[in-house]
Amino acid sequence: MTLQQLADVTSYSRGHLSKIERGANPPTMHLAQRCDAHFRAGGRLRKMYSAEVESAGSKSSPGPSRGARYGSGLPACRRLGRRRKERPRR
């Protein structure tokens, strides 16, 4: 299934789903519910989401700092082993 197909069935934009996939945005319970209904997972995706939220809340660290990315804390291109494009300096 492509991101566009998932976007069509969940009513989320392809760009937003891409950010979730890359770890730049966190997933939501609403998205888990939409995917659970579409894939007829019988509540398993919602349970997985709830378990992930609970385990993230039980960590001793206070959580990501403001502006930090979700996931590993690295930009997606670094997590995937790609080089970041250099931006021209002004």
PDB file of N, CA and C in Angstrom:
ATOM      1  N   MET A   1       0.848  -1.170   0.000  1.00  0.00           N
ATOM      2  CA  MET A   1       0.000   0.000   0.000  1.00  0.00           C
ATOM      3  C   MET A   1       0.898   1.240   0.000  1.00  0.00           C
ATOM      4  N   THR A   2       0.566   2.181  -0.849  1.00  0.00           N
ATOM      5  CA  THR A   2       1.350   3.416  -0.926  1.00  0.00           C
ATOM      6  C   THR A   2       0.851   4.409   0.115  1.00  0.00           C
ATOM      7  N   LEU A   3       1.644   5.433   0.354  1.00  0.00           N
ATOM      8  CA  LEU A   3       1.211   6.487   1.281  1.00  0.00           C
ATOM      9  C   LEU A   3      -0.045   7.177   0.765  1.00  0.00           C
ATOM     10  N   GLN A   4      -0.151   7.347  -0.545  1.00  0.00           N
ATOM     11  CA  GLN A   4      -1.338   7.990  -1.103  1.00  0.00           C
ATOM     12  C   GLN A   4      -2.583   7.139  -0.856  1.00  0.00           C
ATOM     13  N   GLN A   5      -2.460   5.841  -1.030  1.00  0.00           N
ATOM     14  CA  GLN A   5      -3.602   4.956  -0.769  1.00  0.00           C
ATOM     15  C   GLN A   5      -3.995   4.997   0.706  1.00  0.00           C
ATOM     16  N   LEU A   6      -2.997   5.005   1.595  1.00  0.00           N
ATOM     17  CA  LEU A   6      -3.288   5.102   3.023  1.00  0.00           C
ATOM     18  C   LEU A   6      -3.917   6.448   3.352  1.00  0.00           C
ATOM     19  N   ALA A   7      -3.435   7.498   2.709  1.00  0.00           N
ATOM     20  CA  ALA A   7      -4.009   8.827   2.920  1.00  0.00           C
ATOM     21  C   ALA A   7      -5.474   8.851   2.498  1.00  0.00           C
ATOM     22  N   ASP A   8      -5.782   8.198   1.405  1.00  0.00           N
ATOM     23  CA  ASP A   8      -7.162   8.166   0.919  1.00  0.00           C
ATOM     24  C   ASP A   8      -8.101   7.471   1.895  1.00  0.00           C
ATOM     25  N   VAL A   9      -7.663   6.392   2.507  1.00  0.00           N
ATOM     26  CA  VAL A   9      -8.559   5.644   3.399  1.00  0.00           C
ATOM     27  C   VAL A   9      -8.592   6.188   4.818  1.00  0.00           C
ATOM     28  N   THR A  10      -7.569   6.968   5.215  1.00  0.00           N
ATOM     29  CA  THR A  10      -7.537   7.483   6.586  1.00  0.00           C
ATOM     30  C   THR A  10      -7.925   8.955   6.685  1.00  0.00           C
ATOM     31  N   SER A  11      -8.021   9.637   5.566  1.00  0.00           N
ATOM     32  CA  SER A  11      -8.323  11.078   5.529  1.00  0.00           C
ATOM     33  C   SER A  11      -7.208  11.928   6.127  1.00  0.00           C
ATOM     34  N   TYR A  12      -5.990  11.402   6.125  1.00  0.00           N
ATOM     35  CA  TYR A  12      -4.813  12.184   6.502  1.00  0.00           C
ATOM     36  C   TYR A  12      -4.068  12.507   5.213  1.00  0.00           C
ATOM     37  N   SER A  13      -3.319  13.586   5.204  1.00  0.00           N
ATOM     38  CA  SER A  13      -2.569  13.926   3.993  1.00  0.00           C
ATOM     39  C   SER A  13      -1.368  12.999   3.837  1.00  0.00           C
ATOM     40  N   ARG A  14      -0.942  12.830   2.598  1.00  0.00           N
ATOM     41  CA  ARG A  14       0.231  12.007   2.320  1.00  0.00           C
ATOM     42  C   ARG A  14       1.464  12.580   3.009  1.00  0.00           C
ATOM     43  N   GLY A  15       1.573  13.908   3.022  1.00  0.00           N
ATOM     44  CA  GLY A  15       2.714  14.552   3.665  1.00  0.00           C
ATOM     45  C   GLY A  15       2.753  14.295   5.163  1.00  0.00           C
ATOM     46  N   HIS A  16       1.585  14.355   5.805  1.00  0.00           N
ATOM     47  CA  HIS A  16       1.525  14.112   7.249  1.00  0.00           C
ATOM     48  C   HIS A  16       1.888  12.657   7.556  1.00  0.00           C
ATOM     49  N   LEU A  17       1.365  11.728   6.766  1.00  0.00           N
ATOM     50  CA  LEU A  17       1.698  10.320   6.967  1.00  0.00           C
ATOM     51  C   LEU A  17       3.184  10.069   6.734  1.00  0.00           C
ATOM     52  N   SER A  18       3.769  10.769   5.777  1.00  0.00           N
ATOM     53  CA  SER A  18       5.195  10.641   5.528  1.00  0.00           C
ATOM     54  C   SER A  18       6.005  11.103   6.735  1.00  0.00           C
ATOM     55  N   LYS A  19       5.577  12.197   7.353  1.00  0.00           N
ATOM     56  CA  LYS A  19       6.278  12.689   8.548  1.00  0.00           C
ATOM     57  C   LYS A  19       6.161  11.698   9.702  1.00  0.00           C
ATOM     58  N   ILE A  20       5.015  11.056   9.832  1.00  0.00           N
ATOM     59  CA  ILE A  20       4.848  10.034  10.864  1.00  0.00           C
ATOM     60  C   ILE A  20       5.765   8.854  10.565  1.00  0.00           C
ATOM     61  N   GLU A  21       5.806   8.439   9.318  1.00  0.00           N
ATOM     62  CA  GLU A  21       6.642   7.312   8.912  1.00  0.00           C
ATOM     63  C   GLU A  21       8.122   7.598   9.191  1.00  0.00           C
ATOM     64  N   ARG A  22       8.548   8.831   8.957  1.00  0.00           N
ATOM     65  CA  ARG A  22       9.952   9.212   9.167  1.00  0.00           C
ATOM     66  C   ARG A  22      10.266   9.538  10.614  1.00  0.00           C
ATOM     67  N   GLY A  23       9.236   9.641  11.459  1.00  0.00           N
ATOM     68  CA  GLY A  23       9.479   9.954  12.864  1.00  0.00           C
ATOM     69  C   GLY A  23       9.486  11.429  13.168  1.00  0.00           C
ATOM     70  N   ALA A  24       9.109  12.276  12.214  1.00  0.00           N
ATOM     71  CA  ALA A  24       9.095  13.719  12.444  1.00  0.00           C
ATOM     72  C   ALA A  24       7.843  14.153  13.218  1.00  0.00           C
ATOM     73  N   ASN A  25       6.756  13.416  13.073  1.00  0.00           N
ATOM     74  CA  ASN A  25       5.515  13.671  13.816  1.00  0.00           C
ATOM     75  C   ASN A  25       5.111  12.388  14.512  1.00  0.00           C
ATOM     76  N   PRO A  26       4.485  12.492  15.680  1.00  0.00           N
ATOM     77  CA  PRO A  26       4.020  11.279  16.351  1.00  0.00           C
ATOM     78  C   PRO A  26       2.695  10.804  15.755  1.00  0.00           C
ATOM     79  N   PRO A  27       2.437   9.511  15.791  1.00  0.00           N
ATOM     80  CA  PRO A  27       1.119   9.039  15.361  1.00  0.00           C
ATOM     81  C   PRO A  27       0.082   9.412  16.415  1.00  0.00           C
ATOM     82  N   THR A  28      -1.178   9.329  16.063  1.00  0.00           N
ATOM     83  CA  THR A  28      -2.257   9.655  17.002  1.00  0.00           C
ATOM     84  C   THR A  28      -3.170   8.445  17.165  1.00  0.00           C
ATOM     85  N   MET A  29      -3.962   8.464  18.235  1.00  0.00           N
ATOM     86  CA  MET A  29      -4.940   7.409  18.450  1.00  0.00           C
ATOM     87  C   MET A  29      -5.954   7.399  17.313  1.00  0.00           C
ATOM     88  N   HIS A  30      -6.319   8.588  16.832  1.00  0.00           N
ATOM     89  CA  HIS A  30      -7.288   8.672  15.737  1.00  0.00           C
ATOM     90  C   HIS A  30      -6.759   7.946  14.500  1.00  0.00           C
ATOM     91  N   LEU A  31      -5.501   8.128  14.174  1.00  0.00           N
ATOM     92  CA  LEU A  31      -4.908   7.430  13.032  1.00  0.00           C
ATOM     93  C   LEU A  31      -4.897   5.923  13.283  1.00  0.00           C
ATOM     94  N   ALA A  32      -4.552   5.516  14.490  1.00  0.00           N
ATOM     95  CA  ALA A  32      -4.550   4.092  14.820  1.00  0.00           C
ATOM     96  C   ALA A  32      -5.946   3.501  14.656  1.00  0.00           C
ATOM     97  N   GLN A  33      -6.957   4.247  15.062  1.00  0.00           N
ATOM     98  CA  GLN A  33      -8.334   3.776  14.924  1.00  0.00           C
ATOM     99  C   GLN A  33      -8.737   3.660  13.457  1.00  0.00           C
ATOM    100  N   ARG A  34      -8.357   4.651  12.657  1.00  0.00           N
ATOM    101  CA  ARG A  34      -8.690   4.611  11.226  1.00  0.00           C
ATOM    102  C   ARG A  34      -8.018   3.423  10.536  1.00  0.00           C
ATOM    103  N   CYS A  35      -6.743   3.204  10.839  1.00  0.00           N
ATOM    104  CA  CYS A  35      -6.020   2.077  10.244  1.00  0.00           C
ATOM    105  C   CYS A  35      -6.588   0.751  10.742  1.00  0.00           C
ATOM    106  N   ASP A  36      -6.920   0.702  12.018  1.00  0.00           N
ATOM    107  CA  ASP A  36      -7.492  -0.504  12.591  1.00  0.00           C
ATOM    108  C   ASP A  36      -8.801  -0.866  11.888  1.00  0.00           C
ATOM    109  N   ALA A  37      -9.632   0.123  11.637  1.00  0.00           N
ATOM    110  CA  ALA A  37     -10.910  -0.123  10.968  1.00  0.00           C
ATOM    111  C   ALA A  37     -10.691  -0.551   9.510  1.00  0.00           C
ATOM    112  N   HIS A  38      -9.795   0.132   8.812  1.00  0.00           N
ATOM    113  CA  HIS A  38      -9.569  -0.186   7.402  1.00  0.00           C
ATOM    114  C   HIS A  38      -8.992  -1.589   7.219  1.00  0.00           C
ATOM    115  N   PHE A  39      -8.013  -1.938   8.045  1.00  0.00           N
ATOM    116  CA  PHE A  39      -7.346  -3.223   7.907  1.00  0.00           C
ATOM    117  C   PHE A  39      -8.053  -4.350   8.671  1.00  0.00           C
ATOM    118  N   ARG A  40      -9.165  -3.996   9.310  1.00  0.00           N
ATOM    119  CA  ARG A  40      -9.954  -4.970  10.090  1.00  0.00           C
ATOM    120  C   ARG A  40      -9.057  -5.733  11.061  1.00  0.00           C
ATOM    121  N   ALA A  41      -8.309  -4.976  11.847  1.00  0.00           N
ATOM    122  CA  ALA A  41      -7.343  -5.559  12.777  1.00  0.00           C
ATOM    123  C   ALA A  41      -7.966  -5.933  14.120  1.00  0.00           C
ATOM    124  N   GLY A  42      -9.239  -5.676  14.295  1.00  0.00           N
ATOM    125  CA  GLY A  42      -9.918  -6.094  15.516  1.00  0.00           C
ATOM    126  C   GLY A  42      -9.426  -5.420  16.783  1.00  0.00           C
ATOM    127  N   GLY A  43      -8.950  -4.179  16.662  1.00  0.00           N
ATOM    128  CA  GLY A  43      -8.493  -3.433  17.829  1.00  0.00           C
ATOM    129  C   GLY A  43      -7.021  -3.599  18.141  1.00  0.00           C
ATOM    130  N   ARG A  44      -6.319  -4.439  17.394  1.00  0.00           N
ATOM    131  CA  ARG A  44      -4.898  -4.678  17.684  1.00  0.00           C
ATOM    132  C   ARG A  44      -4.044  -3.425  17.491  1.00  0.00           C
ATOM    133  N   LEU A  45      -4.329  -2.636  16.451  1.00  0.00           N
ATOM    134  CA  LEU A  45      -3.518  -1.428  16.224  1.00  0.00           C
ATOM    135  C   LEU A  45      -3.757  -0.400  17.317  1.00  0.00           C
ATOM    136  N   ARG A  46      -4.997  -0.278  17.773  1.00  0.00           N
ATOM    137  CA  ARG A  46      -5.282   0.645  18.887  1.00  0.00           C
ATOM    138  C   ARG A  46      -4.572   0.188  20.151  1.00  0.00           C
ATOM    139  N   LYS A  47      -4.564  -1.122  20.395  1.00  0.00           N
ATOM    140  CA  LYS A  47      -3.876  -1.639  21.583  1.00  0.00           C
ATOM    141  C   LYS A  47      -2.379  -1.399  21.494  1.00  0.00           C
ATOM    142  N   MET A  48      -1.814  -1.590  20.290  1.00  0.00           N
ATOM    143  CA  MET A  48      -0.382  -1.339  20.100  1.00  0.00           C
ATOM    144  C   MET A  48      -0.063   0.131  20.360  1.00  0.00           C
ATOM    145  N   TYR A  49      -0.927   1.016  19.855  1.00  0.00           N
ATOM    146  CA  TYR A  49      -0.708   2.444  20.072  1.00  0.00           C
ATOM    147  C   TYR A  49      -0.765   2.754  21.562  1.00  0.00           C
ATOM    148  N   SER A  50      -1.783   2.248  22.252  1.00  0.00           N
ATOM    149  CA  SER A  50      -1.925   2.507  23.688  1.00  0.00           C
ATOM    150  C   SER A  50      -0.733   1.978  24.465  1.00  0.00           C
ATOM    151  N   ALA A  51      -0.252   0.781  24.112  1.00  0.00           N
ATOM    152  CA  ALA A  51       0.902   0.212  24.797  1.00  0.00           C
ATOM    153  C   ALA A  51       2.148   1.060  24.563  1.00  0.00           C
ATOM    154  N   GLU A  52       2.307   1.572  23.353  1.00  0.00           N
ATOM    155  CA  GLU A  52       3.465   2.421  23.038  1.00  0.00           C
ATOM    156  C   GLU A  52       3.410   3.726  23.824  1.00  0.00           C
ATOM    157  N   VAL A  53       2.242   4.322  23.922  1.00  0.00           N
ATOM    158  CA  VAL A  53       2.095   5.571  24.673  1.00  0.00           C
ATOM    159  C   VAL A  53       2.387   5.340  26.148  1.00  0.00           C
ATOM    160  N   GLU A  54       1.886   4.232  26.689  1.00  0.00           N
ATOM    161  CA  GLU A  54       2.132   3.921  28.095  1.00  0.00           C
ATOM    162  C   GLU A  54       3.610   3.674  28.360  1.00  0.00           C
ATOM    163  N   SER A  55       4.283   2.945  27.467  1.00  0.00           N
ATOM    164  CA  SER A  55       5.705   2.675  27.676  1.00  0.00           C
ATOM    165  C   SER A  55       6.532   3.950  27.526  1.00  0.00           C
ATOM    166  N   ALA A  56       6.121   4.835  26.636  1.00  0.00           N
ATOM    167  CA  ALA A  56       6.837   6.102  26.471  1.00  0.00           C
ATOM    168  C   ALA A  56       6.635   6.981  27.695  1.00  0.00           C
ATOM    169  N   GLY A  57       5.470   6.905  28.309  1.00  0.00           N
ATOM    170  CA  GLY A  57       5.188   7.703  29.500  1.00  0.00           C
ATOM    171  C   GLY A  57       5.889   7.196  30.743  1.00  0.00           C
ATOM    172  N   SER A  58       6.294   5.922  30.747  1.00  0.00           N
ATOM    173  CA  SER A  58       6.937   5.354  31.933  1.00  0.00           C
ATOM    174  C   SER A  58       8.442   5.530  31.932  1.00  0.00           C
ATOM    175  N   LYS A  59       9.008   6.092  30.879  1.00  0.00           N
ATOM    176  CA  LYS A  59      10.450   6.322  30.825  1.00  0.00           C
ATOM    177  C   LYS A  59      10.830   7.397  31.834  1.00  0.00           C
ATOM    178  N   SER A  60      12.048   7.321  32.329  1.00  0.00           N
ATOM    179  CA  SER A  60      12.492   8.278  33.338  1.00  0.00           C
ATOM    180  C   SER A  60      12.821   9.640  32.753  1.00  0.00           C
ATOM    181  N   SER A  61      13.067   9.691  31.452  1.00  0.00           N
ATOM    182  CA  SER A  61      13.403  10.980  30.850  1.00  0.00           C
ATOM    183  C   SER A  61      12.145  11.821  30.687  1.00  0.00           C
ATOM    184  N   PRO A  62      12.274  13.149  30.738  1.00  0.00           N
ATOM    185  CA  PRO A  62      11.099  14.008  30.643  1.00  0.00           C
ATOM    186  C   PRO A  62      10.483  14.068  29.256  1.00  0.00           C
ATOM    187  N   GLY A  63      11.111  13.470  28.251  1.00  0.00           N
ATOM    188  CA  GLY A  63      10.560  13.485  26.906  1.00  0.00           C
ATOM    189  C   GLY A  63      11.353  14.404  26.004  1.00  0.00           C
ATOM    190  N   PRO A  64      10.934  14.510  24.762  1.00  0.00           N
ATOM    191  CA  PRO A  64      11.690  15.323  23.815  1.00  0.00           C
ATOM    192  C   PRO A  64      11.601  16.801  24.164  1.00  0.00           C
ATOM    193  N   SER A  65      12.682  17.494  23.918  1.00  0.00           N
ATOM    194  CA  SER A  65      12.675  18.925  24.157  1.00  0.00           C
ATOM    195  C   SER A  65      11.876  19.616  23.064  1.00  0.00           C
ATOM    196  N   ARG A  66      11.526  20.836  23.309  1.00  0.00           N
ATOM    197  CA  ARG A  66      10.749  21.567  22.321  1.00  0.00           C
ATOM    198  C   ARG A  66      11.523  21.637  21.015  1.00  0.00           C
ATOM    199  N   GLY A  67      10.854  21.267  19.949  1.00  0.00           N
ATOM    200  CA  GLY A  67      11.484  21.304  18.640  1.00  0.00           C
ATOM    201  C   GLY A  67      12.226  20.025  18.284  1.00  0.00           C
ATOM    202  N   ALA A  68      12.314  19.090  19.223  1.00  0.00           N
ATOM    203  CA  ALA A  68      13.004  17.838  18.917  1.00  0.00           C
ATOM    204  C   ALA A  68      12.126  16.977  18.027  1.00  0.00           C
ATOM    205  N   ARG A  69      12.765  16.150  17.244  1.00  0.00           N
ATOM    206  CA  ARG A  69      12.020  15.238  16.381  1.00  0.00           C
ATOM    207  C   ARG A  69      11.653  13.999  17.182  1.00  0.00           C
ATOM    208  N   TYR A  70      10.553  13.392  16.780  1.00  0.00           N
ATOM    209  CA  TYR A  70      10.167  12.132  17.385  1.00  0.00           C
ATOM    210  C   TYR A  70      10.980  11.048  16.729  1.00  0.00           C
ATOM    211  N   GLY A  71      11.106   9.941  17.381  1.00  0.00           N
ATOM    212  CA  GLY A  71      11.912   8.856  16.844  1.00  0.00           C
ATOM    213  C   GLY A  71      13.290   8.897  17.461  1.00  0.00           C
ATOM    214  N   SER A  72      14.318   8.807  16.671  1.00  0.00           N
ATOM    215  CA  SER A  72      15.671   8.710  17.195  1.00  0.00           C
ATOM    216  C   SER A  72      16.261  10.061  17.577  1.00  0.00           C
ATOM    217  N   GLY A  73      15.619  11.140  17.227  1.00  0.00           N
ATOM    218  CA  GLY A  73      16.176  12.451  17.513  1.00  0.00           C
ATOM    219  C   GLY A  73      17.064  12.973  16.397  1.00  0.00           C
ATOM    220  N   LEU A  74      17.292  12.158  15.383  1.00  0.00           N
ATOM    221  CA  LEU A  74      18.084  12.591  14.236  1.00  0.00           C
ATOM    222  C   LEU A  74      17.158  12.922  13.082  1.00  0.00           C
ATOM    223  N   PRO A  75      17.566  13.829  12.220  1.00  0.00           N
ATOM    224  CA  PRO A  75      16.765  14.055  11.020  1.00  0.00           C
ATOM    225  C   PRO A  75      16.619  12.750  10.247  1.00  0.00           C
ATOM    226  N   ALA A  76      15.505  12.603   9.552  1.00  0.00           N
ATOM    227  CA  ALA A  76      15.205  11.356   8.850  1.00  0.00           C
ATOM    228  C   ALA A  76      16.312  10.963   7.885  1.00  0.00           C
ATOM    229  N   CYS A  77      16.912  11.933   7.199  1.00  0.00           N
ATOM    230  CA  CYS A  77      17.948  11.592   6.224  1.00  0.00           C
ATOM    231  C   CYS A  77      19.154  10.951   6.914  1.00  0.00           C
ATOM    232  N   ARG A  78      19.446  11.342   8.148  1.00  0.00           N
ATOM    233  CA  ARG A  78      20.566  10.746   8.875  1.00  0.00           C
ATOM    234  C   ARG A  78      20.221   9.343   9.348  1.00  0.00           C
ATOM    235  N   ARG A  79      18.971   9.131   9.804  1.00  0.00           N
ATOM    236  CA  ARG A  79      18.564   7.801  10.253  1.00  0.00           C
ATOM    237  C   ARG A  79      18.599   6.815   9.103  1.00  0.00           C
ATOM    238  N   LEU A  80      18.340   7.283   7.898  1.00  0.00           N
ATOM    239  CA  LEU A  80      18.311   6.415   6.732  1.00  0.00           C
ATOM    240  C   LEU A  80      19.669   6.280   6.073  1.00  0.00           C
ATOM    241  N   GLY A  81      20.680   6.943   6.604  1.00  0.00           N
ATOM    242  CA  GLY A  81      22.020   6.836   6.080  1.00  0.00           C
ATOM    243  C   GLY A  81      22.282   7.687   4.856  1.00  0.00           C
ATOM    244  N   ARG A  82      21.398   8.633   4.594  1.00  0.00           N
ATOM    245  CA  ARG A  82      21.604   9.506   3.434  1.00  0.00           C
ATOM    246  C   ARG A  82      22.289  10.788   3.890  1.00  0.00           C
ATOM    247  N   ARG A  83      22.951  11.411   2.975  1.00  0.00           N
ATOM    248  CA  ARG A  83      23.579  12.693   3.276  1.00  0.00           C
ATOM    249  C   ARG A  83      22.564  13.798   3.134  1.00  0.00           C
ATOM    250  N   ARG A  84      22.659  14.741   3.991  1.00  0.00           N
ATOM    251  CA  ARG A  84      21.775  15.895   3.945  1.00  0.00           C
ATOM    252  C   ARG A  84      22.270  16.850   2.875  1.00  0.00           C
ATOM    253  N   LYS A  85      21.345  17.413   2.106  1.00  0.00           N
ATOM    254  CA  LYS A  85      21.729  18.358   1.069  1.00  0.00           C
ATOM    255  C   LYS A  85      22.178  19.660   1.719  1.00  0.00           C
ATOM    256  N   GLU A  86      23.251  20.187   1.210  1.00  0.00           N
ATOM    257  CA  GLU A  86      23.751  21.458   1.718  1.00  0.00           C
ATOM    258  C   GLU A  86      22.890  22.585   1.197  1.00  0.00           C
ATOM    259  N   ARG A  87      22.543  23.485   2.068  1.00  0.00           N
ATOM    260  CA  ARG A  87      21.761  24.658   1.666  1.00  0.00           C
ATOM    261  C   ARG A  87      22.710  25.800   1.366  1.00  0.00           C
ATOM    262  N   PRO A  88      22.410  26.577   0.329  1.00  0.00           N
ATOM    263  CA  PRO A  88      23.283  27.721   0.045  1.00  0.00           C
ATOM    264  C   PRO A  88      23.205  28.741   1.167  1.00  0.00           C
ATOM    265  N   ARG A  89      24.341  29.290   1.483  1.00  0.00           N
ATOM    266  CA  ARG A  89      24.389  30.300   2.556  1.00  0.00           C
ATOM    267  C   ARG A  89      24.012  31.654   1.991  1.00  0.00           C
ATOM    268  N   ARG A  90      23.345  32.413   2.800  1.00  0.00           N
ATOM    269  CA  ARG A  90      22.917  33.761   2.362  1.00  0.00           C
ATOM    270  C   ARG A  90      23.913  34.800   2.761  1.00  0.00           C
TER     271      ARG A  90
END
